Amino acid sequence: MRLLQDRITAAVPDAAMVAEVTRGLTAIADRLEPTARDEWSQLAGSLREVPGRGSALLPVVEILSENETTLRGRVRFSRFHLGGNGAAHGGTIPLMFDDILGRLANSGGRPVARTAYLHVNYRSITPIDRDLRVEIRFDREEGRKRLLRGELRDGDVLCADCEGLFVELRPGQP
């Protein structure tokens, strides 16, 4: 799916090819429609062992090491994530941070928490089609609140950093 997204993003097809591809994609969508399930049964977003948990929207973070307080990984923003001039779109960076901060915030047997806020500082251009380092740290926990911080680097260059607050859900809270 990610390869298809990248190819669509980069393509400049003529009208005949657009019509042909549209027919093909519609046929695939129609074939998959009878297999649709509810949010809790679907595969996308729930497959921990698959890059991006199976969600084609998320930039893939390859986890290199993880414990209850630190997560280190590698991410590559692709052509699909292009904002312009070889740089990742600014909105894809918080998306990536939110996903992996949430992963760490909800690890170690902790009850489920949701993002209360996510603050991202853009420090330099985040290039596409390069392996970048990401590091997330569990800063502190105060009652139901969990504060985490993260960095995204291209070699020694800090591309972005963030701070996220996650709040533990109350019983029965969706």
Protein backbone atom coordinates (compact mmCIF):
# COMPACT_ATOMS: atom_id res chain seq x y z
CA MET A 1 0.00 0.00 0.00
CA ARG A 2 2.83 2.39 0.87
CA LEU A 3 4.53 1.69 -2.47
CA LEU A 4 1.25 2.42 -4.24
CA GLN A 5 0.85 5.70 -2.32
CA ASP A 6 4.37 6.77 -3.28
CA ARG A 7 3.83 5.88 -6.95
CA ILE A 8 0.51 7.71 -7.10
CA THR A 9 2.11 10.76 -5.48
CA ALA A 10 4.94 10.85 -8.03
CA ALA A 11 2.86 10.00 -11.12
CA VAL A 12 1.66 12.31 -13.88
CA PRO A 13 -0.56 9.93 -15.88
CA ASP A 14 -2.56 10.85 -18.95
CA ALA A 15 -6.38 10.74 -18.89
CA ALA A 16 -6.52 7.19 -20.28
CA MET A 17 -4.23 5.85 -17.56
CA VAL A 18 -6.18 7.73 -14.87
CA ALA A 19 -9.37 6.04 -16.08
CA GLU A 20 -7.69 2.61 -16.21
CA VAL A 21 -6.14 2.92 -12.74
CA THR A 22 -9.43 4.24 -11.33
CA ARG A 23 -11.27 1.18 -12.68
CA GLY A 24 -8.64 -1.15 -11.22
CA LEU A 25 -8.62 0.50 -7.78
CA THR A 26 -12.42 0.58 -7.71
CA ALA A 27 -12.49 -3.15 -8.49
CA ILE A 28 -10.08 -3.84 -5.62
CA ALA A 29 -12.14 -1.64 -3.24
CA ASP A 30 -15.33 -3.44 -4.29
CA ARG A 31 -13.67 -6.82 -3.71
CA LEU A 32 -12.56 -5.82 -0.19
CA GLU A 33 -15.86 -4.19 0.85
CA PRO A 34 -17.60 -7.43 1.97
CA THR A 35 -14.71 -8.14 4.37
CA ALA A 36 -15.06 -4.84 6.29
CA ARG A 37 -15.22 -5.20 10.06
CA ASP A 38 -15.73 -2.89 13.03
CA GLU A 39 -12.88 -0.80 14.44
CA TRP A 40 -11.97 -3.43 17.05
CA SER A 41 -11.74 -6.29 14.54
CA GLN A 42 -10.03 -4.59 11.57
CA LEU A 43 -6.37 -5.23 10.90
CA ALA A 44 -5.21 -1.68 10.08
CA GLY A 45 -4.05 0.07 13.22
CA SER A 46 -3.96 -3.05 15.38
CA LEU A 47 -1.03 -5.07 14.01
CA ARG A 48 1.84 -4.26 16.41
CA GLU A 49 4.32 -6.42 14.51
CA VAL A 50 3.64 -4.68 11.17
CA PRO A 51 5.18 -1.27 10.32
CA GLY A 52 2.83 1.52 11.36
CA ARG A 53 0.58 -1.14 12.96
CA GLY A 54 -0.78 -1.76 9.47
CA SER A 55 -1.99 1.81 8.98
CA ALA A 56 -0.91 3.12 5.57
CA LEU A 57 -1.28 6.71 6.82
CA LEU A 58 1.55 6.50 9.37
CA PRO A 59 5.21 6.94 8.47
CA VAL A 60 6.92 3.66 9.33
CA VAL A 61 9.03 3.77 12.49
CA GLU A 62 11.33 0.79 12.83
CA ILE A 63 11.79 0.23 16.56
CA LEU A 64 15.46 -0.45 17.34
CA SER A 65 15.19 -0.56 21.13
CA GLU A 66 12.38 -0.07 23.60
CA ASN A 67 11.86 -0.35 27.33
CA GLU A 68 9.39 1.24 29.77
CA THR A 69 11.05 4.68 29.63
CA THR A 70 12.81 4.99 26.26
CA LEU A 71 12.09 4.17 22.65
CA ARG A 72 14.68 4.48 19.88
CA GLY A 73 13.95 3.94 16.25
CA ARG A 74 14.48 4.81 12.64
CA VAL A 75 11.90 6.49 10.41
CA ARG A 76 11.87 7.26 6.69
CA PHE A 77 9.37 9.74 5.35
CA SER A 78 8.56 8.78 1.75
CA ARG A 79 7.37 10.61 -1.34
CA PHE A 80 3.81 10.21 -0.02
CA HIS A 81 4.81 12.45 2.92
CA LEU A 82 6.38 15.17 0.74
CA GLY A 83 5.50 18.75 1.63
CA GLY A 84 7.78 20.33 -0.98
CA ASN A 85 11.40 20.80 -1.99
CA GLY A 86 12.43 17.38 -0.67
CA ALA A 87 11.05 18.02 2.83
CA ALA A 88 8.45 16.04 4.73
CA HIS A 89 5.09 17.76 5.10
CA GLY A 90 4.95 19.46 8.51
CA GLY A 91 1.77 17.59 9.46
CA THR A 92 3.36 14.17 9.07
CA ILE A 93 5.93 14.87 11.78
CA PRO A 94 3.38 15.32 14.63
CA LEU A 95 1.51 12.28 13.28
CA MET A 96 4.67 10.18 13.66
CA PHE A 97 5.45 11.64 17.10
CA ASP A 98 1.88 11.11 18.37
CA ASP A 99 1.94 7.47 17.32
CA ILE A 100 5.23 6.54 18.97
CA LEU A 101 4.78 8.72 22.06
CA GLY A 102 1.43 6.99 22.54
CA ARG A 103 3.10 3.61 22.12
CA LEU A 104 5.55 4.39 24.93
CA ALA A 105 2.92 6.12 27.11
CA ASN A 106 0.80 2.96 26.97
CA SER A 107 3.60 0.42 27.43
CA GLY A 108 4.86 -1.34 30.53
CA GLY A 109 1.44 -2.51 31.66
CA ARG A 110 0.19 1.05 32.15
CA PRO A 111 -3.55 1.63 31.69
CA VAL A 112 -4.57 3.20 28.37
CA ALA A 113 -3.99 6.94 28.00
CA ARG A 114 -4.85 9.37 25.20
CA THR A 115 -3.09 12.41 23.86
CA ALA A 116 -4.09 15.56 25.74
CA TYR A 117 -1.63 17.77 23.86
CA LEU A 118 1.33 17.45 21.55
CA HIS A 119 3.69 20.36 21.01
CA VAL A 120 6.18 20.07 18.13
CA ASN A 121 9.09 22.42 17.45
CA TYR A 122 10.38 22.36 13.88
CA ARG A 123 14.13 22.94 14.11
CA SER A 124 15.27 22.23 10.53
CA ILE A 125 14.03 20.62 7.33
CA THR A 126 13.01 16.97 7.70
CA PRO A 127 14.14 15.27 4.48
CA ILE A 128 12.25 12.48 2.73
CA ASP A 129 13.79 9.22 1.50
CA ARG A 130 16.47 9.17 4.22
CA ASP A 131 16.76 7.15 7.39
CA LEU A 132 16.26 9.47 10.36
CA ARG A 133 16.69 8.73 14.07
CA VAL A 134 13.86 9.16 16.52
CA GLU A 135 14.16 8.95 20.29
CA ILE A 136 11.31 9.15 22.79
CA ARG A 137 11.68 9.47 26.57
CA PHE A 138 9.11 8.99 29.31
CA ASP A 139 9.76 12.14 31.35
CA ARG A 140 7.42 11.79 34.31
CA GLU A 141 4.07 10.60 35.58
CA GLU A 142 1.79 12.61 37.89
CA GLY A 143 -1.42 10.81 38.79
CA ARG A 144 -3.23 10.16 35.48
CA LYS A 145 -0.86 12.44 33.53
CA ARG A 146 2.15 11.14 31.58
CA LEU A 147 4.64 13.56 30.07
CA LEU A 148 6.90 12.37 27.25
CA ARG A 149 9.51 14.07 25.07
CA GLY A 150 10.95 13.19 21.71
CA GLU A 151 13.52 14.14 19.08
CA LEU A 152 13.86 13.52 15.36
CA ARG A 153 17.38 13.75 13.91
CA ASP A 154 19.06 13.58 10.51
CA GLY A 155 22.54 12.56 11.61
CA ASP A 156 23.62 15.26 14.07
CA VAL A 157 20.98 17.73 12.85
CA LEU A 158 17.90 18.14 15.04
CA CYS A 159 14.91 18.23 12.68
CA ALA A 160 12.17 18.45 15.32
CA ASP A 161 11.51 17.89 18.98
CA CYS A 162 8.29 17.47 20.87
CA GLU A 163 6.55 17.27 24.20
CA GLY A 164 3.37 15.28 24.66
CA LEU A 165 0.95 14.94 27.54
CA PHE A 166 -1.06 11.73 27.73
CA VAL A 167 -3.90 11.29 30.24
CA GLU A 168 -5.00 7.91 31.54
CA LEU A 169 -8.61 7.13 30.68
CA ARG A 170 -11.16 6.80 33.44
CA PRO A 171 -13.15 3.56 33.65
CA GLY A 172 -15.69 3.43 30.84
CA GLN A 173 -14.13 6.37 28.99
CA PRO A 174 -13.79 5.68 25.23
